[in-house]
Amino acid sequence: MKTEKYADFFEEAEKSMSKDSIRRAEGEANEIMLNLGLVELRKNAGHSQSEITGYRQSSVSKIEARKDMNK
C-alpha cells in the first residue's frame, strides 16, 4: 500500500532492490498489516474516523469496536 507521502521513497527503493527483495518486503509488509487491528491501520494511515470515505464516523466506530474485526 503506497501512499502519496511515501511514493518517492518506494520508487527509489524499487530502483535499487532486486525483484526478489521487493517480493519478500511486500510479503512481510502484508503480514504486518494483517496482524494490525483496524484502529491501528487507520491511525497509522493518519486518518480520523470521520475521514474514512463512504462511512459515517459512527459507523466506523461500530466496525472498529467489533471483536471479530480486531486481533
N, C-alpha and C. Protein backbone atom coordinates (compact mmCIF):
# COMPACT_ATOMS: atom_id res chain seq x y z
N MET A 1 0.84 -1.17 0.00
CA MET A 1 0.00 0.00 0.00
C MET A 1 0.89 1.24 0.00
N LYS A 2 0.93 1.90 -1.11
CA LYS A 2 1.77 3.08 -1.22
C LYS A 2 0.91 4.32 -1.04
N THR A 3 1.35 5.19 -0.17
CA THR A 3 0.65 6.45 -0.01
C THR A 3 1.45 7.52 -0.71
N GLU A 4 0.79 8.61 -1.04
CA GLU A 4 1.46 9.70 -1.74
C GLU A 4 2.67 10.20 -0.95
N LYS A 5 2.55 10.20 0.36
CA LYS A 5 3.60 10.68 1.25
C LYS A 5 4.91 9.91 1.02
N TYR A 6 4.78 8.61 0.75
CA TYR A 6 5.96 7.77 0.62
C TYR A 6 6.26 7.35 -0.82
N ALA A 7 5.57 7.92 -1.79
CA ALA A 7 5.72 7.49 -3.18
C ALA A 7 7.17 7.58 -3.64
N ASP A 8 7.84 8.69 -3.38
CA ASP A 8 9.23 8.85 -3.81
C ASP A 8 10.14 7.80 -3.17
N PHE A 9 9.93 7.53 -1.89
CA PHE A 9 10.75 6.54 -1.20
C PHE A 9 10.62 5.18 -1.87
N PHE A 10 9.38 4.76 -2.14
CA PHE A 10 9.16 3.44 -2.73
C PHE A 10 9.72 3.38 -4.16
N GLU A 11 9.55 4.45 -4.90
CA GLU A 11 10.09 4.47 -6.27
C GLU A 11 11.61 4.32 -6.25
N GLU A 12 12.28 5.03 -5.36
CA GLU A 12 13.73 4.94 -5.27
C GLU A 12 14.18 3.58 -4.74
N ALA A 13 13.47 3.05 -3.76
CA ALA A 13 13.83 1.75 -3.20
C ALA A 13 13.70 0.66 -4.26
N GLU A 14 12.65 0.72 -5.07
CA GLU A 14 12.44 -0.29 -6.10
C GLU A 14 13.55 -0.25 -7.16
N LYS A 15 14.13 0.91 -7.38
CA LYS A 15 15.22 1.03 -8.35
C LYS A 15 16.47 0.30 -7.87
N SER A 16 16.68 0.24 -6.56
CA SER A 16 17.90 -0.35 -6.03
C SER A 16 17.72 -1.77 -5.49
N MET A 17 16.49 -2.26 -5.44
CA MET A 17 16.23 -3.59 -4.87
C MET A 17 15.98 -4.60 -5.99
N SER A 18 16.37 -5.84 -5.73
CA SER A 18 16.07 -6.90 -6.69
C SER A 18 14.58 -7.22 -6.62
N LYS A 19 14.06 -7.84 -7.65
CA LYS A 19 12.65 -8.21 -7.66
C LYS A 19 12.32 -9.17 -6.52
N ASP A 20 13.27 -10.06 -6.20
CA ASP A 20 13.07 -10.99 -5.09
C ASP A 20 13.00 -10.25 -3.76
N SER A 21 13.86 -9.25 -3.57
CA SER A 21 13.83 -8.46 -2.34
C SER A 21 12.53 -7.69 -2.22
N ILE A 22 12.05 -7.15 -3.33
CA ILE A 22 10.78 -6.41 -3.33
C ILE A 22 9.64 -7.36 -2.95
N ARG A 23 9.63 -8.55 -3.54
CA ARG A 23 8.59 -9.53 -3.25
C ARG A 23 8.60 -9.91 -1.77
N ARG A 24 9.78 -10.15 -1.21
CA ARG A 24 9.88 -10.51 0.21
C ARG A 24 9.41 -9.36 1.10
N ALA A 25 9.82 -8.14 0.77
CA ALA A 25 9.43 -6.97 1.56
C ALA A 25 7.91 -6.77 1.52
N GLU A 26 7.32 -6.95 0.36
CA GLU A 26 5.87 -6.80 0.24
C GLU A 26 5.16 -7.88 1.06
N GLY A 27 5.69 -9.10 1.04
CA GLY A 27 5.11 -10.18 1.84
C GLY A 27 5.17 -9.89 3.32
N GLU A 28 6.31 -9.38 3.78
CA GLU A 28 6.46 -9.03 5.19
C GLU A 28 5.53 -7.89 5.58
N ALA A 29 5.40 -6.89 4.70
CA ALA A 29 4.50 -5.76 4.97
C ALA A 29 3.06 -6.23 5.05
N ASN A 30 2.66 -7.12 4.15
CA ASN A 30 1.30 -7.65 4.18
C ASN A 30 1.03 -8.42 5.47
N GLU A 31 2.00 -9.18 5.92
CA GLU A 31 1.85 -9.94 7.17
C GLU A 31 1.67 -8.99 8.37
N ILE A 32 2.45 -7.93 8.39
CA ILE A 32 2.33 -6.94 9.47
C ILE A 32 0.95 -6.31 9.45
N MET A 33 0.47 -5.93 8.26
CA MET A 33 -0.83 -5.28 8.16
C MET A 33 -1.95 -6.22 8.57
N LEU A 34 -1.82 -7.51 8.26
CA LEU A 34 -2.85 -8.48 8.66
C LEU A 34 -2.92 -8.62 10.17
N ASN A 35 -1.82 -8.39 10.85
CA ASN A 35 -1.79 -8.55 12.30
C ASN A 35 -2.17 -7.29 13.05
N LEU A 36 -2.36 -6.20 12.35
CA LEU A 36 -2.80 -4.96 12.99
C LEU A 36 -4.33 -4.94 13.04
N GLY A 37 -4.87 -4.34 14.04
CA GLY A 37 -6.31 -4.15 14.10
C GLY A 37 -6.71 -2.98 13.23
N LEU A 38 -7.99 -2.83 13.00
CA LEU A 38 -8.48 -1.75 12.14
C LEU A 38 -8.13 -0.37 12.70
N VAL A 39 -8.20 -0.21 14.01
CA VAL A 39 -7.88 1.09 14.61
C VAL A 39 -6.43 1.47 14.32
N GLU A 40 -5.52 0.51 14.51
CA GLU A 40 -4.11 0.78 14.26
C GLU A 40 -3.86 1.10 12.80
N LEU A 41 -4.51 0.36 11.90
CA LEU A 41 -4.35 0.64 10.47
C LEU A 41 -4.78 2.06 10.13
N ARG A 42 -5.96 2.44 10.63
CA ARG A 42 -6.47 3.78 10.34
C ARG A 42 -5.56 4.86 10.92
N LYS A 43 -5.15 4.66 12.18
CA LYS A 43 -4.29 5.66 12.82
C LYS A 43 -2.93 5.74 12.14
N ASN A 44 -2.35 4.59 11.78
CA ASN A 44 -1.05 4.60 11.10
C ASN A 44 -1.13 5.26 9.73
N ALA A 45 -2.31 5.20 9.12
CA ALA A 45 -2.51 5.88 7.84
C ALA A 45 -2.74 7.37 8.03
N GLY A 46 -2.91 7.79 9.30
CA GLY A 46 -3.07 9.21 9.60
C GLY A 46 -4.47 9.74 9.37
N HIS A 47 -5.49 8.85 9.51
CA HIS A 47 -6.87 9.28 9.28
C HIS A 47 -7.68 9.21 10.56
N SER A 48 -8.62 10.14 10.68
CA SER A 48 -9.57 10.06 11.78
C SER A 48 -10.76 9.24 11.30
N GLN A 49 -11.61 8.84 12.22
CA GLN A 49 -12.79 8.05 11.83
C GLN A 49 -13.66 8.82 10.84
N SER A 50 -13.77 10.12 11.01
CA SER A 50 -14.64 10.92 10.14
C SER A 50 -14.05 11.11 8.74
N GLU A 51 -12.78 10.78 8.55
CA GLU A 51 -12.14 10.94 7.23
C GLU A 51 -12.26 9.69 6.36
N ILE A 52 -12.86 8.62 6.87
CA ILE A 52 -12.99 7.40 6.09
C ILE A 52 -14.11 7.59 5.08
N THR A 53 -13.74 7.61 3.82
CA THR A 53 -14.68 7.89 2.73
C THR A 53 -15.75 6.81 2.63
N GLY A 54 -16.98 7.26 2.51
CA GLY A 54 -18.10 6.34 2.31
C GLY A 54 -18.75 5.84 3.59
N TYR A 55 -18.23 6.26 4.74
CA TYR A 55 -18.77 5.81 6.03
C TYR A 55 -18.94 7.00 6.97
N ARG A 56 -20.02 6.97 7.75
CA ARG A 56 -20.17 7.97 8.80
C ARG A 56 -19.22 7.62 9.93
N GLN A 57 -18.84 8.60 10.71
CA GLN A 57 -17.92 8.37 11.83
C GLN A 57 -18.49 7.33 12.77
N SER A 58 -19.78 7.40 13.05
CA SER A 58 -20.39 6.44 13.97
C SER A 58 -20.31 5.01 13.43
N SER A 59 -20.41 4.85 12.13
CA SER A 59 -20.31 3.52 11.52
C SER A 59 -18.90 2.97 11.64
N VAL A 60 -17.90 3.83 11.42
CA VAL A 60 -16.51 3.40 11.55
C VAL A 60 -16.24 2.97 12.99
N SER A 61 -16.75 3.74 13.94
CA SER A 61 -16.57 3.41 15.35
C SER A 61 -17.16 2.04 15.67
N LYS A 62 -18.36 1.77 15.18
CA LYS A 62 -19.01 0.48 15.44
C LYS A 62 -18.21 -0.67 14.82
N ILE A 63 -17.74 -0.48 13.60
CA ILE A 63 -16.96 -1.52 12.92
C ILE A 63 -15.67 -1.79 13.69
N GLU A 64 -14.98 -0.72 14.09
CA GLU A 64 -13.72 -0.88 14.81
C GLU A 64 -13.92 -1.56 16.17
N ALA A 65 -15.07 -1.39 16.77
CA ALA A 65 -15.34 -1.96 18.08
C ALA A 65 -15.69 -3.44 18.04
N ARG A 66 -16.02 -3.94 16.85
CA ARG A 66 -16.38 -5.36 16.74
C ARG A 66 -15.18 -6.24 17.07
N LYS A 67 -15.40 -7.21 17.91
CA LYS A 67 -14.31 -8.11 18.33
C LYS A 67 -13.79 -8.95 17.18
N ASP A 68 -14.64 -9.30 16.22
CA ASP A 68 -14.20 -10.14 15.11
C ASP A 68 -13.41 -9.35 14.06
N MET A 69 -13.33 -8.04 14.22
CA MET A 69 -12.59 -7.21 13.27
C MET A 69 -11.23 -6.80 13.82
N ASN A 70 -10.91 -7.22 15.01
CA ASN A 70 -9.65 -6.86 15.65
C ASN A 70 -8.95 -8.09 16.17
N LYS A 71 -7.63 -8.03 16.21
CA LYS A 71 -6.84 -9.15 16.73
C LYS A 71 -6.36 -8.82 18.12
